[in-house]
Protein backbone atom coordinates (compact mmCIF):
# COMPACT_ATOMS: atom_id res chain seq x y z
CA UNK A 1 -6.54 26.71 -14.17
CA UNK A 2 -4.75 29.62 -15.85
CA UNK A 3 -6.29 30.88 -19.08
CA UNK A 4 -4.43 30.52 -22.39
CA UNK A 5 -3.86 34.31 -22.38
CA UNK A 6 -2.29 34.13 -18.93
CA UNK A 7 -0.05 31.25 -19.97
CA UNK A 8 1.03 33.16 -23.08
CA UNK A 9 1.91 36.25 -21.04
CA UNK A 10 3.94 34.19 -18.58
CA UNK A 11 5.94 32.51 -21.34
CA UNK A 12 6.35 35.81 -23.20
CA UNK A 13 7.81 37.39 -20.08
CA UNK A 14 10.33 34.59 -19.64
CA UNK A 15 11.34 34.62 -23.30
CA UNK A 16 13.09 37.93 -22.74
CA UNK A 17 15.47 36.49 -20.18
CA UNK A 18 15.84 32.75 -20.72
CA UNK A 19 15.29 29.84 -23.07
CA UNK A 20 11.66 28.68 -23.10
CA UNK A 21 11.00 24.98 -22.56
CA UNK A 22 7.71 23.68 -23.87
CA UNK A 23 7.16 20.34 -22.14
CA UNK A 24 5.48 17.46 -23.89
CA UNK A 25 3.81 14.64 -21.97
CA UNK A 26 3.97 11.33 -23.84
CA UNK A 27 1.85 8.46 -22.40
CA UNK A 28 3.52 5.05 -22.54
CA UNK A 29 2.19 1.49 -22.48
CA UNK A 30 3.18 -0.95 -19.73
CA UNK A 31 2.15 -4.59 -19.18
CA UNK A 32 0.61 -3.74 -15.79
CA UNK A 33 -2.69 -2.51 -14.34
CA UNK A 34 -1.23 -1.86 -10.89
CA UNK A 35 -1.24 1.46 -9.07
CA UNK A 36 2.33 2.66 -9.64
CA UNK A 37 3.47 5.02 -6.87
CA UNK A 38 7.20 4.30 -6.96
CA UNK A 39 9.43 5.59 -9.74
CA UNK A 40 13.18 5.94 -10.19
CA UNK A 41 14.71 7.36 -13.36
CA UNK A 42 18.38 6.41 -13.59
CA UNK A 43 18.97 8.03 -16.98
CA UNK A 44 17.21 8.93 -20.21
CA UNK A 45 16.84 5.25 -20.97
CA UNK A 46 16.76 3.35 -17.64
CA UNK A 47 13.54 3.66 -15.61
CA UNK A 48 12.18 1.51 -12.79
CA UNK A 49 8.62 1.70 -11.41
CA UNK A 50 6.87 -0.12 -8.58
CA UNK A 51 3.44 -0.41 -7.06
CA UNK A 52 0.59 -2.58 -5.86
CA UNK A 53 0.25 -6.32 -6.46
CA UNK A 54 3.99 -6.88 -5.78
CA UNK A 55 4.70 -5.02 -9.03
CA UNK A 56 8.13 -3.97 -10.24
CA UNK A 57 8.80 -3.02 -13.87
CA UNK A 58 11.89 -1.73 -15.62
CA UNK A 59 12.67 -0.26 -19.01
CA UNK A 60 16.05 0.03 -20.69
CA UNK A 61 14.83 1.87 -23.79
CA UNK A 62 13.17 5.04 -22.47
CA UNK A 63 9.86 3.33 -21.79
CA UNK A 64 9.25 1.85 -25.22
CA UNK A 65 9.27 -1.64 -23.73
CA UNK A 66 9.05 -2.95 -20.19
CA UNK A 67 10.23 -6.05 -18.36
CA UNK A 68 8.11 -7.37 -15.51
CA UNK A 69 10.47 -8.17 -12.63
CA UNK A 70 7.80 -8.31 -9.93
CA UNK A 71 8.58 -10.02 -6.63
CA UNK A 72 7.04 -13.43 -6.03
CA UNK A 73 5.59 -13.45 -2.50
CA UNK A 74 2.53 -15.02 -0.93
CA UNK A 75 1.89 -11.72 0.85
CA UNK A 76 0.29 -8.96 -1.25
CA UNK A 77 2.71 -6.06 -1.08
CA UNK A 78 2.40 -2.44 -2.21
CA UNK A 79 5.80 -1.14 -3.27
CA UNK A 80 5.26 2.61 -3.01
CA UNK A 81 8.90 3.56 -3.26
CA UNK A 82 11.81 2.36 -5.38
CA UNK A 83 15.42 3.50 -5.64
CA UNK A 84 17.44 2.31 -8.62
CA UNK A 85 21.14 2.89 -9.26
CA UNK A 86 21.60 1.27 -12.68
CA UNK A 87 20.01 -1.38 -14.87
CA UNK A 88 20.96 -4.12 -12.39
CA UNK A 89 20.62 -2.71 -8.87
CA UNK A 90 17.39 -1.48 -7.28
CA UNK A 91 15.70 -1.38 -3.87
CA UNK A 92 11.93 -1.47 -3.27
CA UNK A 93 9.98 -0.69 -0.11
CA UNK A 94 6.59 -2.04 0.97
CA UNK A 95 4.22 0.54 2.45
CA UNK A 96 2.12 -1.31 4.96
CA UNK A 97 2.35 -4.34 7.19
CA UNK A 98 4.75 -6.03 7.39
CA UNK A 99 7.50 -3.50 6.77
CA UNK A 100 9.71 -4.99 4.08
CA UNK A 101 12.56 -3.83 1.87
CA UNK A 102 13.94 -5.94 -1.00
CA UNK A 103 17.06 -5.51 -3.12
CA UNK A 104 18.16 -6.91 -6.47
CA UNK A 105 21.65 -6.90 -7.94
CA UNK A 106 20.88 -8.77 -11.14
CA UNK A 107 18.19 -6.66 -12.77
CA UNK A 108 15.27 -8.18 -10.90
CA UNK A 109 15.86 -11.86 -11.58
CA UNK A 110 16.45 -12.42 -7.85
CA UNK A 111 15.21 -10.24 -5.00
CA UNK A 112 16.69 -10.50 -1.51
CA UNK A 113 14.70 -9.51 1.58
CA UNK A 114 17.04 -7.05 3.35
CA UNK A 115 14.69 -5.61 5.99
CA UNK A 116 11.61 -6.97 7.72
CA UNK A 117 9.58 -5.48 10.58
CA UNK A 118 6.49 -7.04 12.16
CA UNK A 119 6.03 -4.54 14.96
CA UNK A 120 2.49 -3.26 15.44
CA UNK A 121 2.13 0.11 13.77
CA UNK A 122 4.96 -0.28 11.26
CA UNK A 123 4.17 1.46 7.97
CA UNK A 124 7.14 2.46 5.84
CA UNK A 125 6.40 5.69 3.96
CA UNK A 126 9.47 6.58 1.90
CA UNK A 127 13.22 6.26 1.48
CA UNK A 128 16.00 8.24 -0.17
CA UNK A 129 19.71 7.80 -0.80
CA UNK A 130 22.71 10.10 -0.71
CA UNK A 131 24.69 7.73 -2.94
CA UNK A 132 24.83 4.04 -3.80
CA UNK A 133 25.81 3.13 -0.24
CA UNK A 134 24.12 5.54 2.16
CA UNK A 135 20.35 5.74 2.48
CA UNK A 136 17.55 6.54 4.93
CA UNK A 137 13.91 5.46 5.30
CA UNK A 138 11.12 6.21 7.74
CA UNK A 139 7.85 4.78 9.00
CA UNK A 140 4.75 5.98 10.78
CA UNK A 141 5.34 6.17 14.54
CA UNK A 142 5.51 3.31 16.98
CA UNK A 143 4.97 4.14 20.66
CA UNK A 144 4.70 7.84 19.83
CA UNK A 145 7.96 8.14 17.89
CA UNK A 146 8.70 7.98 14.17
CA UNK A 147 10.76 5.02 13.03
CA UNK A 148 13.86 6.07 11.07
CA UNK A 149 16.33 3.51 9.70
CA UNK A 150 19.61 3.94 7.82
CA UNK A 151 21.91 1.90 5.62
CA UNK A 152 25.63 2.32 4.96
CA UNK A 153 26.07 -0.66 2.64
CA UNK A 154 23.71 0.04 -0.23
CA UNK A 155 20.64 -1.35 1.50
CA UNK A 156 22.06 -4.78 2.29
CA UNK A 157 21.43 -4.06 5.97
CA UNK A 158 19.50 -1.41 7.93
CA UNK A 159 19.89 0.01 11.43
CA UNK A 160 17.70 2.22 13.62
CA UNK A 161 18.91 5.75 14.34
CA UNK A 162 19.78 6.62 17.97
CA UNK A 163 16.76 7.14 20.22
CA UNK A 164 18.09 10.60 21.10
CA UNK A 165 17.25 11.88 17.62
CA UNK A 166 14.19 9.75 16.96
CA UNK A 167 11.39 12.29 16.33
CA UNK A 168 8.29 12.49 18.51
CA UNK A 169 4.95 12.31 16.71
CA UNK A 170 1.71 14.06 17.53
CA UNK A 171 -1.47 12.06 18.01
CA UNK A 172 -2.50 10.63 14.65
CA UNK A 173 0.56 12.00 12.83
CA UNK A 174 2.32 9.95 10.19
CA UNK A 175 3.58 10.19 6.64
CA UNK A 176 1.79 10.01 3.29
CA UNK A 177 3.10 7.06 1.27
CA UNK A 178 1.67 8.55 -1.91
CA UNK A 179 4.79 8.82 -4.05
CA UNK A 180 7.80 7.80 -2.00
CA UNK A 181 8.89 11.42 -1.76
CA UNK A 182 8.23 12.67 1.77
CA UNK A 183 11.86 12.19 2.76
CA UNK A 184 14.88 13.85 1.20
CA UNK A 185 18.58 13.13 1.68
CA UNK A 186 20.34 16.49 1.45
CA UNK A 187 23.83 16.87 -0.05
CA UNK A 188 25.27 17.89 3.35
CA UNK A 189 24.30 14.54 4.90
CA UNK A 190 21.16 15.75 6.67
CA UNK A 191 17.67 14.38 6.00
CA UNK A 192 14.31 16.15 5.77
CA UNK A 193 11.02 14.39 6.54
CA UNK A 194 7.52 15.79 5.91
CA UNK A 195 4.47 14.64 7.87
CA UNK A 196 0.71 14.45 7.52
CA UNK A 197 0.44 17.29 10.05
CA UNK A 198 2.27 19.66 7.73
CA UNK A 199 5.42 19.52 9.84
CA UNK A 200 9.04 19.28 8.71
CA UNK A 201 11.56 17.16 10.61
CA UNK A 202 15.21 18.12 10.13
CA UNK A 203 17.63 15.35 11.06
CA UNK A 204 21.38 15.96 11.36
CA UNK A 205 23.22 12.67 11.70
CA UNK A 206 26.62 14.35 12.02
CA UNK A 207 25.47 16.49 14.94
CA UNK A 208 23.01 13.85 16.20
CA UNK A 209 20.35 16.53 16.50
CA UNK A 210 16.85 17.18 15.23
CA UNK A 211 14.51 20.12 14.76
CA UNK A 212 10.79 20.06 13.99
CA UNK A 213 9.16 23.06 12.35
CA UNK A 214 5.61 23.91 11.31
CA UNK A 215 4.74 24.81 7.74
CA UNK A 216 1.72 26.84 6.56
CA UNK A 217 0.47 23.97 4.38
CA UNK A 218 -3.12 23.09 5.22
CA UNK A 219 -3.38 19.90 7.28
CA UNK A 220 -6.63 20.18 9.24
CA UNK A 221 -8.37 17.24 7.54
CA UNK A 222 -7.45 13.53 7.63
CA UNK A 223 -6.55 13.52 3.91
CA UNK A 224 -4.58 16.75 3.89
CA UNK A 225 -0.99 17.73 4.63
CA UNK A 226 2.38 17.45 2.91
CA UNK A 227 2.57 14.68 0.32
CA UNK A 228 5.93 15.40 -1.30
CA UNK A 229 9.13 17.39 -0.83
CA UNK A 230 12.18 18.05 -2.93
CA UNK A 231 15.35 20.11 -2.52
CA UNK A 232 17.52 21.62 -5.22
CA UNK A 233 20.46 21.95 -2.81
CA UNK A 234 21.03 22.12 0.95
CA UNK A 235 18.95 25.27 1.36
CA UNK A 236 16.34 25.61 -1.38
CA UNK A 237 13.37 23.28 -1.26
CA UNK A 238 9.65 22.88 -1.86
CA UNK A 239 6.77 21.00 -0.23
CA UNK A 240 3.43 20.24 -1.90
CA UNK A 241 0.21 18.53 -0.90
CA UNK A 242 -3.40 19.46 -0.39
CA UNK A 243 -6.42 17.26 0.24
CA UNK A 244 -6.57 14.12 -1.92
CA UNK A 245 -10.33 13.77 -1.28
CA UNK A 246 -10.82 17.16 -2.97
CA UNK A 247 -8.07 16.97 -5.55
CA UNK A 248 -9.08 20.04 -7.58
CA UNK A 249 -8.91 22.30 -4.52
CA UNK A 250 -5.82 24.51 -4.47
CA UNK A 251 -5.73 26.17 -1.06
CA UNK A 252 -2.53 26.43 1.02
CA UNK A 253 -1.10 23.38 -0.71
CA UNK A 254 2.51 24.44 -1.40
CA UNK A 255 5.38 26.17 0.37
CA UNK A 256 9.07 26.77 -0.20
CA UNK A 257 12.18 27.34 1.88
CA UNK A 258 15.54 28.96 1.27
CA UNK A 259 17.20 28.12 4.58
CA UNK A 260 17.26 24.32 4.54
CA UNK A 261 13.77 23.88 5.94
CA UNK A 262 13.81 26.04 9.07
CA UNK A 263 11.24 28.49 7.66
CA UNK A 264 8.58 27.97 5.01
CA UNK A 265 6.53 30.45 2.96
CA UNK A 266 3.26 29.69 1.17
CA UNK A 267 3.32 29.78 -2.62
CA UNK A 268 0.28 29.65 -4.89
CA UNK A 269 -0.53 28.64 -8.43
CA UNK A 270 -0.78 24.84 -8.31
CA UNK A 271 -4.02 23.66 -9.86
CA UNK A 272 -4.98 21.27 -7.07
CA UNK A 273 -3.80 18.47 -4.81
CA UNK A 274 -0.30 17.32 -5.75
CA UNK A 275 1.25 14.07 -4.55
CA UNK A 276 4.72 14.56 -6.07
CA UNK A 277 7.07 17.41 -6.91
CA UNK A 278 10.50 17.41 -8.50
CA UNK A 279 13.16 19.91 -9.48
CA UNK A 280 14.54 19.39 -12.98
CA UNK A 281 18.29 18.79 -12.58
CA UNK A 282 20.63 21.23 -14.24
CA UNK A 283 18.06 24.03 -14.48
CA UNK A 284 19.46 26.24 -11.69
CA UNK A 285 16.53 25.48 -9.41
CA UNK A 286 14.10 27.37 -11.63
CA UNK A 287 12.15 24.54 -13.27
CA UNK A 288 9.93 22.16 -11.29
CA UNK A 289 7.06 19.80 -12.05
CA UNK A 290 4.27 18.71 -9.74
CA UNK A 291 1.68 16.02 -10.39
CA UNK A 292 -1.40 14.59 -8.71
CA UNK A 293 -4.68 12.91 -9.51
CA UNK A 294 -6.10 16.13 -10.99
CA UNK A 295 -3.24 17.01 -13.31
CA UNK A 296 0.29 18.26 -13.90
CA UNK A 297 1.78 21.74 -13.34
CA UNK A 298 5.19 23.18 -14.04
CA UNK A 299 7.11 26.38 -13.30
CA UNK A 300 10.15 28.06 -14.84
CA UNK A 301 10.71 30.65 -12.12
CA UNK A 302 11.30 28.51 -9.05
CA UNK A 303 7.63 28.25 -8.10
CA UNK A 304 6.46 31.85 -8.23
CA UNK A 305 4.07 31.08 -11.09
CA UNK A 306 2.76 27.73 -12.32
CA UNK A 307 1.22 26.58 -15.58
CA UNK A 308 -1.18 23.63 -15.76
CA UNK A 309 -0.22 21.47 -18.74
CA UNK A 310 -2.39 18.38 -18.25
CA UNK A 311 -5.53 17.23 -16.48
CA UNK A 312 -4.38 13.59 -16.57
CA UNK A 313 -3.66 12.17 -13.15
CA UNK A 314 -0.32 10.74 -11.99
CA UNK A 315 1.02 9.75 -8.56
CA UNK A 316 4.83 10.03 -8.75
CA UNK A 317 7.51 11.84 -10.71
CA UNK A 318 11.28 11.65 -11.24
CA UNK A 319 13.82 13.12 -13.65
CA UNK A 320 16.62 11.10 -15.18
CA UNK A 321 18.29 14.08 -16.81
CA UNK A 322 17.95 17.76 -17.65
CA UNK A 323 15.70 17.00 -20.62
CA UNK A 324 13.61 13.97 -19.66
CA UNK A 325 11.31 13.13 -16.76
CA UNK A 326 8.89 10.34 -15.93
CA UNK A 327 5.57 10.01 -14.13
CA UNK A 328 3.65 6.94 -12.94
CA UNK A 329 0.07 6.50 -11.85
CA UNK A 330 -3.04 4.36 -11.61
CA UNK A 331 -3.81 1.44 -13.90
CA UNK A 332 -0.18 0.84 -14.83
CA UNK A 333 0.15 4.29 -16.39
CA UNK A 334 3.55 5.80 -17.13
CA UNK A 335 4.33 8.96 -19.07
CA UNK A 336 7.48 10.64 -20.30
CA UNK A 337 8.05 14.38 -19.92
CA UNK A 338 10.10 15.65 -22.85
CA UNK A 339 11.74 19.07 -22.54
CA UNK A 340 13.48 21.21 -25.11
CA UNK A 341 17.27 20.86 -25.12
CA UNK A 342 18.91 23.00 -22.46
């Protein structure tokens, strides 16, 4: 952890060139005790979260109150990813067996099962959307190849990608379903997937091509690798991870790219294992937050230097606007990140 003097010097340096944002983390109360690993912030006021025990919650007042819209099912499901588009429409994904995706169009009163997969080895890890119609999701491999599915109708139906661009997996390789953020839909229509082996899969659906590249992120233990990725635009992105069994260890646990994911460079400064990372929209790619079970870090220079601002643990993170973000974690915990006006 950086010392208070170090933090002061970092902020003093930035004050000469840009507006300083002093983030505040505000814990919120929810009616749940579930492990919440899915989060989708639609705006400053509309937030959806999901997690274990079939749990889905939503707030329409910036987290001051929550409505339980959990899915009634005899099977115990762990919804580790959620994508919401407004106060009425959301999609949740079960990580585990069977592979299931549900969608609601009425705010959670009714959920429709839109995808179901009982194949041996299915384990959906994450999904992401380009817009309200086009989305992509992926699963741990079956028969040595990752499972990638797409939707063109807002998640009402899903189709497998062509076998020609279905990525091969190494022995034991998969994805970490820790925060629903190991896949990213890029603005140009491509998708980026990060694996437990510290590899990056670049999928171009327009060209029907794929590339797989190695990153320098440490992945030599079963609980280590890339746990989260995010991209500010088509070229500039970040990957974070570490070893969740040693969550205060900060060795080779983050890397960035400026060429769309073809080459990655190690960056340092995160305080430990991080399961989620997010750019703050509208901040020119300079401000990011990363969270994990050992705390929360943020940067105002694109990841060159990081400041630890909390030792409280969270699993997932998302920003609904330039000035407000949200994190979810164990025991039904949710917190709001409040930034100075920008």
